[in-house]
Amino acid sequence: MAAGGVRARKNAPPREDVLVAAMATIAERGLDGLTMAGLGRQVGMSSGHLLYYFRSKDELLLQTLEWSEAALGDERRALLSRRGPVRGRLQAYVDLYVPDGARDPHWTLWMEVWNRSQNAGPEERDRQAAIEGAWHRDLVALLAEGISRGEFRPVDPDRFGARLRALLDGFSIQLAVGLPGTERAGILAHVGEFLDETLLSPASARPPTAS
């Protein structure tokens, strides 16, 4: 029996294949369509072997979110490292943050993990906080750069970043759940106006003079 278990584990697909399949299932059929048995059939594993690797569906969802966030983090850092005005890079951050539309798979997963976190242990909560912290640190660094270059008003980057992310979360949840009348273009416009009104320094906001 032990030997059979070893063979099954050796023949198991790479962990990332399972996470890719889980995310694809969420995108195609939503969270209701993601079951351990169904996912196991997709990757050629029994639900028992999946539970061996992930311990629970909660852990599977959290690891899938961490995997997805790692890819987003690479994309985010590439965007923010570009040259040019900080305001443009801040808009790129906002564009990456906001869901693509209703039932966006990444945001669908995020909201489910948030919901399940009510019963999560301290280790799981720390892992969720690490994901949030990465988004926050990159935003704070971007705001600080804009302030140092005179593009932004001298706000407290940490406090402004926390408020901006709360605004983005509120809009993003409305969009992800498909609240009637909520559109991505409108959200981006609202956030853009907010940033221009509250963050741009007078010099940056002043229209260029004719030569």
C-alpha atoms as a PDB file:
ATOM      1  CA  MET A   1       0.000   0.000   0.000  1.00  0.00           C
ATOM      2  CA  ALA A   2       2.830   2.382   0.838  1.00  0.00           C
ATOM      3  CA  ALA A   3       4.578   1.548  -2.433  1.00  0.00           C
ATOM      4  CA  GLY A   4       1.394   2.269  -4.381  1.00  0.00           C
ATOM      5  CA  GLY A   5       1.122   5.644  -2.643  1.00  0.00           C
ATOM      6  CA  VAL A   6       4.699   6.488  -3.597  1.00  0.00           C
ATOM      7  CA  ARG A   7       4.038   5.577  -7.238  1.00  0.00           C
ATOM      8  CA  ALA A   8       0.876   7.707  -7.263  1.00  0.00           C
ATOM      9  CA  ARG A   9       2.766  10.690  -5.887  1.00  0.00           C
ATOM     10  CA  LYS A  10       5.577  10.271  -8.422  1.00  0.00           C
ATOM     11  CA  ASN A  11       3.038  10.139 -11.243  1.00  0.00           C
ATOM     12  CA  ALA A  12       1.125  13.159  -9.980  1.00  0.00           C
ATOM     13  CA  PRO A  13       1.206  16.229 -12.238  1.00  0.00           C
ATOM     14  CA  PRO A  14       3.301  19.217 -11.190  1.00  0.00           C
ATOM     15  CA  ARG A  15       1.644  21.403  -8.597  1.00  0.00           C
ATOM     16  CA  GLU A  16       1.430  24.289 -11.058  1.00  0.00           C
ATOM     17  CA  ASP A  17      -0.591  22.171 -13.495  1.00  0.00           C
ATOM     18  CA  VAL A  18      -3.207  21.687 -10.794  1.00  0.00           C
ATOM     19  CA  LEU A  19      -3.303  25.420 -10.057  1.00  0.00           C
ATOM     20  CA  VAL A  20      -3.592  26.282 -13.761  1.00  0.00           C
ATOM     21  CA  ALA A  21      -6.468  23.831 -14.103  1.00  0.00           C
ATOM     22  CA  ALA A  22      -8.188  25.244 -11.011  1.00  0.00           C
ATOM     23  CA  MET A  23      -7.964  28.804 -12.354  1.00  0.00           C
ATOM     24  CA  ALA A  24      -9.191  27.732 -15.781  1.00  0.00           C
ATOM     25  CA  THR A  25     -12.182  26.005 -14.200  1.00  0.00           C
ATOM     26  CA  ILE A  26     -13.060  29.128 -12.219  1.00  0.00           C
ATOM     27  CA  ALA A  27     -12.840  31.195 -15.405  1.00  0.00           C
ATOM     28  CA  GLU A  28     -15.046  28.797 -17.372  1.00  0.00           C
ATOM     29  CA  ARG A  29     -17.586  27.613 -14.805  1.00  0.00           C
ATOM     30  CA  GLY A  30     -17.149  29.767 -11.722  1.00  0.00           C
ATOM     31  CA  LEU A  31     -16.442  28.598  -8.210  1.00  0.00           C
ATOM     32  CA  ASP A  32     -19.504  26.351  -8.152  1.00  0.00           C
ATOM     33  CA  GLY A  33     -17.933  24.362 -10.976  1.00  0.00           C
ATOM     34  CA  LEU A  34     -14.696  23.773  -9.075  1.00  0.00           C
ATOM     35  CA  THR A  35     -14.826  20.503  -7.145  1.00  0.00           C
ATOM     36  CA  MET A  36     -11.982  18.337  -5.938  1.00  0.00           C
ATOM     37  CA  ALA A  37     -13.385  15.361  -7.865  1.00  0.00           C
ATOM     38  CA  GLY A  38     -13.793  17.337 -11.099  1.00  0.00           C
ATOM     39  CA  LEU A  39     -10.370  18.938 -10.793  1.00  0.00           C
ATOM     40  CA  GLY A  40      -8.837  15.541 -10.122  1.00  0.00           C
ATOM     41  CA  ARG A  41     -10.338  14.165 -13.337  1.00  0.00           C
ATOM     42  CA  GLN A  42      -8.857  17.087 -15.281  1.00  0.00           C
ATOM     43  CA  VAL A  43      -5.331  16.485 -14.062  1.00  0.00           C
ATOM     44  CA  GLY A  44      -5.477  12.715 -13.732  1.00  0.00           C
ATOM     45  CA  MET A  45      -5.542  12.522  -9.957  1.00  0.00           C
ATOM     46  CA  SER A  46      -8.082  11.235  -7.481  1.00  0.00           C
ATOM     47  CA  SER A  47      -9.740  13.694  -5.120  1.00  0.00           C
ATOM     48  CA  GLY A  48      -7.953  11.826  -2.334  1.00  0.00           C
ATOM     49  CA  HIS A  49      -4.550  12.583  -3.833  1.00  0.00           C
ATOM     50  CA  LEU A  50      -5.514  16.220  -4.278  1.00  0.00           C
ATOM     51  CA  LEU A  51      -6.424  16.364  -0.611  1.00  0.00           C
ATOM     52  CA  TYR A  52      -3.081  14.745   0.191  1.00  0.00           C
ATOM     53  CA  TYR A  53      -1.271  17.620  -1.517  1.00  0.00           C
ATOM     54  CA  PHE A  54      -3.548  20.512  -0.580  1.00  0.00           C
ATOM     55  CA  ARG A  55      -5.180  19.231   2.667  1.00  0.00           C
ATOM     56  CA  SER A  56      -8.466  21.052   1.935  1.00  0.00           C
ATOM     57  CA  LYS A  57     -10.298  23.022  -0.709  1.00  0.00           C
ATOM     58  CA  ASP A  58      -9.539  26.190   1.259  1.00  0.00           C
ATOM     59  CA  GLU A  59      -5.812  25.482   0.889  1.00  0.00           C
ATOM     60  CA  LEU A  60      -6.217  24.737  -2.818  1.00  0.00           C
ATOM     61  CA  LEU A  61      -7.967  28.071  -3.334  1.00  0.00           C
ATOM     62  CA  LEU A  62      -5.343  29.985  -1.364  1.00  0.00           C
ATOM     63  CA  GLN A  63      -2.478  28.366  -3.262  1.00  0.00           C
ATOM     64  CA  THR A  64      -4.226  29.092  -6.557  1.00  0.00           C
ATOM     65  CA  LEU A  65      -4.573  32.722  -5.506  1.00  0.00           C
ATOM     66  CA  GLU A  66      -0.907  32.906  -4.492  1.00  0.00           C
ATOM     67  CA  TRP A  67       0.123  31.446  -7.853  1.00  0.00           C
ATOM     68  CA  SER A  68      -2.077  33.918  -9.743  1.00  0.00           C
ATOM     69  CA  GLU A  69      -0.795  36.819  -7.634  1.00  0.00           C
ATOM     70  CA  ALA A  70       2.813  35.875  -8.338  1.00  0.00           C
ATOM     71  CA  ALA A  71       2.173  36.326 -12.062  1.00  0.00           C
ATOM     72  CA  LEU A  72       0.336  39.596 -11.455  1.00  0.00           C
ATOM     73  CA  GLY A  73       3.182  40.780  -9.239  1.00  0.00           C
ATOM     74  CA  ASP A  74       5.693  40.253 -12.049  1.00  0.00           C
ATOM     75  CA  GLU A  75       3.447  42.192 -14.430  1.00  0.00           C
ATOM     76  CA  ARG A  76       2.913  44.958 -11.887  1.00  0.00           C
ATOM     77  CA  ARG A  77       6.619  45.438 -11.204  1.00  0.00           C
ATOM     78  CA  ALA A  78       7.376  45.508 -14.934  1.00  0.00           C
ATOM     79  CA  LEU A  79       4.769  48.240 -15.431  1.00  0.00           C
ATOM     80  CA  LEU A  80       5.963  50.311 -12.502  1.00  0.00           C
ATOM     81  CA  SER A  81       9.635  50.115 -13.504  1.00  0.00           C
ATOM     82  CA  ARG A  82       9.010  51.829 -16.825  1.00  0.00           C
ATOM     83  CA  ARG A  83      10.339  55.294 -17.454  1.00  0.00           C
ATOM     84  CA  GLY A  84       8.117  58.313 -17.840  1.00  0.00           C
ATOM     85  CA  PRO A  85       5.704  60.313 -15.686  1.00  0.00           C
ATOM     86  CA  VAL A  86       4.680  58.650 -12.444  1.00  0.00           C
ATOM     87  CA  ARG A  87       1.034  59.564 -13.068  1.00  0.00           C
ATOM     88  CA  GLY A  88       0.995  57.295 -16.118  1.00  0.00           C
ATOM     89  CA  ARG A  89       2.467  54.409 -14.162  1.00  0.00           C
ATOM     90  CA  LEU A  90      -0.050  54.979 -11.399  1.00  0.00           C
ATOM     91  CA  GLN A  91      -2.821  54.673 -13.960  1.00  0.00           C
ATOM     92  CA  ALA A  92      -1.262  51.406 -15.147  1.00  0.00           C
ATOM     93  CA  TYR A  93      -1.370  50.161 -11.526  1.00  0.00           C
ATOM     94  CA  VAL A  94      -5.063  51.057 -11.304  1.00  0.00           C
ATOM     95  CA  ASP A  95      -5.779  49.379 -14.638  1.00  0.00           C
ATOM     96  CA  LEU A  96      -4.111  46.168 -13.447  1.00  0.00           C
ATOM     97  CA  TYR A  97      -5.938  46.291 -10.102  1.00  0.00           C
ATOM     98  CA  VAL A  98      -9.496  46.708 -11.404  1.00  0.00           C
ATOM     99  CA  PRO A  99     -11.238  43.523 -12.691  1.00  0.00           C
ATOM    100  CA  ASP A 100     -11.703  43.016 -16.413  1.00  0.00           C
ATOM    101  CA  GLY A 101     -15.445  42.698 -15.860  1.00  0.00           C
ATOM    102  CA  ALA A 102     -18.155  40.720 -14.117  1.00  0.00           C
ATOM    103  CA  ARG A 103     -17.048  37.289 -12.864  1.00  0.00           C
ATOM    104  CA  ASP A 104     -13.385  38.112 -13.420  1.00  0.00           C
ATOM    105  CA  PRO A 105     -11.773  34.813 -12.314  1.00  0.00           C
ATOM    106  CA  HIS A 106      -9.008  36.388 -10.252  1.00  0.00           C
ATOM    107  CA  TRP A 107     -11.407  38.606  -8.345  1.00  0.00           C
ATOM    108  CA  THR A 108     -13.924  35.778  -8.012  1.00  0.00           C
ATOM    109  CA  LEU A 109     -11.183  33.745  -6.350  1.00  0.00           C
ATOM    110  CA  TRP A 110     -10.079  36.676  -4.196  1.00  0.00           C
ATOM    111  CA  MET A 111     -13.573  37.238  -2.840  1.00  0.00           C
ATOM    112  CA  GLU A 112     -14.019  33.555  -2.056  1.00  0.00           C
ATOM    113  CA  VAL A 113     -10.715  33.428  -0.172  1.00  0.00           C
ATOM    114  CA  TRP A 114     -11.694  36.585   1.737  1.00  0.00           C
ATOM    115  CA  ASN A 115     -15.027  35.018   2.636  1.00  0.00           C
ATOM    116  CA  ARG A 116     -13.432  31.772   3.811  1.00  0.00           C
ATOM    117  CA  SER A 117     -10.788  33.640   5.801  1.00  0.00           C
ATOM    118  CA  GLN A 118     -13.295  34.150   8.607  1.00  0.00           C
ATOM    119  CA  ASN A 119     -12.440  30.609   9.710  1.00  0.00           C
ATOM    120  CA  ALA A 120      -8.794  30.628   8.609  1.00  0.00           C
ATOM    121  CA  GLY A 121      -5.874  30.090  10.949  1.00  0.00           C
ATOM    122  CA  PRO A 122      -3.098  32.610  11.627  1.00  0.00           C
ATOM    123  CA  GLU A 123      -0.773  31.100   8.987  1.00  0.00           C
ATOM    124  CA  GLU A 124      -3.395  31.437   6.255  1.00  0.00           C
ATOM    125  CA  ARG A 125      -4.212  34.982   7.332  1.00  0.00           C
ATOM    126  CA  ASP A 126      -0.515  35.891   7.225  1.00  0.00           C
ATOM    127  CA  ARG A 127      -0.295  34.553   3.676  1.00  0.00           C
ATOM    128  CA  GLN A 128      -3.287  36.638   2.627  1.00  0.00           C
ATOM    129  CA  ALA A 129      -1.751  39.684   4.302  1.00  0.00           C
ATOM    130  CA  ALA A 130       1.468  39.085   2.352  1.00  0.00           C
ATOM    131  CA  ILE A 131      -0.457  39.321  -0.926  1.00  0.00           C
ATOM    132  CA  GLU A 132      -2.159  42.541   0.147  1.00  0.00           C
ATOM    133  CA  GLY A 133       1.144  43.893   1.424  1.00  0.00           C
ATOM    134  CA  ALA A 134       2.866  43.459  -1.928  1.00  0.00           C
ATOM    135  CA  TRP A 135       0.234  45.573  -3.693  1.00  0.00           C
ATOM    136  CA  HIS A 136       0.429  48.189  -0.951  1.00  0.00           C
ATOM    137  CA  ARG A 137       4.228  48.446  -0.898  1.00  0.00           C
ATOM    138  CA  ASP A 138       4.421  48.917  -4.658  1.00  0.00           C
ATOM    139  CA  LEU A 139       1.764  51.621  -4.509  1.00  0.00           C
ATOM    140  CA  VAL A 140       3.457  53.448  -1.628  1.00  0.00           C
ATOM    141  CA  ALA A 141       6.794  53.388  -3.470  1.00  0.00           C
ATOM    142  CA  LEU A 142       5.140  54.792  -6.594  1.00  0.00           C
ATOM    143  CA  LEU A 143       3.432  57.571  -4.643  1.00  0.00           C
ATOM    144  CA  ALA A 144       6.670  58.445  -2.868  1.00  0.00           C
ATOM    145  CA  GLU A 145       8.463  58.686  -6.205  1.00  0.00           C
ATOM    146  CA  GLY A 146       5.786  61.007  -7.588  1.00  0.00           C
ATOM    147  CA  ILE A 147       6.051  63.226  -4.525  1.00  0.00           C
ATOM    148  CA  SER A 148       9.851  63.372  -4.689  1.00  0.00           C
ATOM    149  CA  ARG A 149       9.701  64.341  -8.362  1.00  0.00           C
ATOM    150  CA  GLY A 150       7.154  67.098  -7.732  1.00  0.00           C
ATOM    151  CA  GLU A 151       4.386  65.420  -9.736  1.00  0.00           C
ATOM    152  CA  PHE A 152       2.219  64.739  -6.681  1.00  0.00           C
ATOM    153  CA  ARG A 153       1.218  66.804  -3.686  1.00  0.00           C
ATOM    154  CA  PRO A 154       3.171  66.084  -0.472  1.00  0.00           C
ATOM    155  CA  VAL A 155       0.665  63.572   0.900  1.00  0.00           C
ATOM    156  CA  ASP A 156       1.485  60.719   3.284  1.00  0.00           C
ATOM    157  CA  PRO A 157       2.117  57.866   0.811  1.00  0.00           C
ATOM    158  CA  ASP A 158       1.081  55.129   3.223  1.00  0.00           C
ATOM    159  CA  ARG A 159      -2.197  56.763   4.263  1.00  0.00           C
ATOM    160  CA  PHE A 160      -3.082  57.882   0.738  1.00  0.00           C
ATOM    161  CA  GLY A 161      -2.266  54.408  -0.576  1.00  0.00           C
ATOM    162  CA  ALA A 162      -4.526  52.758   1.991  1.00  0.00           C
ATOM    163  CA  ARG A 163      -7.413  55.045   1.048  1.00  0.00           C
ATOM    164  CA  LEU A 164      -6.858  54.587  -2.679  1.00  0.00           C
ATOM    165  CA  ARG A 165      -6.839  50.806  -2.354  1.00  0.00           C
ATOM    166  CA  ALA A 166     -10.041  50.923  -0.298  1.00  0.00           C
ATOM    167  CA  LEU A 167     -11.620  52.933  -3.128  1.00  0.00           C
ATOM    168  CA  LEU A 168     -10.348  50.456  -5.713  1.00  0.00           C
ATOM    169  CA  ASP A 169     -11.591  47.488  -3.676  1.00  0.00           C
ATOM    170  CA  GLY A 170     -15.065  48.984  -3.392  1.00  0.00           C
ATOM    171  CA  PHE A 171     -15.375  49.679  -7.100  1.00  0.00           C
ATOM    172  CA  SER A 172     -13.769  46.344  -8.024  1.00  0.00           C
ATOM    173  CA  ILE A 173     -16.167  44.285  -5.931  1.00  0.00           C
ATOM    174  CA  GLN A 174     -19.157  46.030  -7.529  1.00  0.00           C
ATOM    175  CA  LEU A 175     -17.761  45.269 -10.982  1.00  0.00           C
ATOM    176  CA  ALA A 176     -16.765  41.681 -10.198  1.00  0.00           C
ATOM    177  CA  VAL A 177     -20.223  40.767  -8.882  1.00  0.00           C
ATOM    178  CA  GLY A 178     -21.889  42.387 -11.890  1.00  0.00           C
ATOM    179  CA  LEU A 179     -23.738  45.169 -10.080  1.00  0.00           C
ATOM    180  CA  PRO A 180     -26.149  46.647 -12.671  1.00  0.00           C
ATOM    181  CA  GLY A 181     -24.910  49.905 -14.124  1.00  0.00           C
ATOM    182  CA  THR A 182     -21.297  49.267 -13.156  1.00  0.00           C
ATOM    183  CA  GLU A 183     -18.825  49.386 -16.028  1.00  0.00           C
ATOM    184  CA  ARG A 184     -15.060  49.166 -16.050  1.00  0.00           C
ATOM    185  CA  ALA A 185     -14.586  52.286 -18.176  1.00  0.00           C
ATOM    186  CA  GLY A 186     -16.707  54.317 -15.760  1.00  0.00           C
ATOM    187  CA  ILE A 187     -14.735  53.058 -12.759  1.00  0.00           C
ATOM    188  CA  LEU A 188     -11.409  53.947 -14.379  1.00  0.00           C
ATOM    189  CA  ALA A 189     -12.750  57.402 -15.179  1.00  0.00           C
ATOM    190  CA  HIS A 190     -13.934  57.929 -11.578  1.00  0.00           C
ATOM    191  CA  VAL A 191     -10.578  56.867 -10.166  1.00  0.00           C
ATOM    192  CA  GLY A 192      -8.681  58.976 -12.682  1.00  0.00           C
ATOM    193  CA  GLU A 193     -10.657  62.067 -11.707  1.00  0.00           C
ATOM    194  CA  PHE A 194     -10.089  61.343  -8.026  1.00  0.00           C
ATOM    195  CA  LEU A 195      -6.339  61.052  -8.533  1.00  0.00           C
ATOM    196  CA  ASP A 196      -6.117  64.229 -10.585  1.00  0.00           C
ATOM    197  CA  GLU A 197      -8.180  66.191  -8.061  1.00  0.00           C
ATOM    198  CA  THR A 198      -6.456  64.973  -4.902  1.00  0.00           C
ATOM    199  CA  LEU A 199      -2.933  64.014  -5.911  1.00  0.00           C
ATOM    200  CA  LEU A 200      -1.560  66.093  -8.767  1.00  0.00           C
ATOM    201  CA  SER A 201       0.569  69.022  -7.687  1.00  0.00           C
ATOM    202  CA  PRO A 202      -0.485  72.462  -8.980  1.00  0.00           C
ATOM    203  CA  ALA A 203       2.472  72.470 -11.358  1.00  0.00           C
ATOM    204  CA  SER A 204       1.561  69.070 -12.787  1.00  0.00           C
ATOM    205  CA  ALA A 205      -2.117  69.948 -13.109  1.00  0.00           C
ATOM    206  CA  ARG A 206      -1.446  73.260 -14.871  1.00  0.00           C
ATOM    207  CA  PRO A 207      -2.023  72.999 -18.643  1.00  0.00           C
ATOM    208  CA  PRO A 208       1.042  73.702 -20.790  1.00  0.00           C
ATOM    209  CA  THR A 209       1.423  77.297 -21.941  1.00  0.00           C
ATOM    210  CA  ALA A 210       1.607  78.125 -25.609  1.00  0.00           C
ATOM    211  CA  SER A 211       5.112  78.858 -26.833  1.00  0.00           C
END
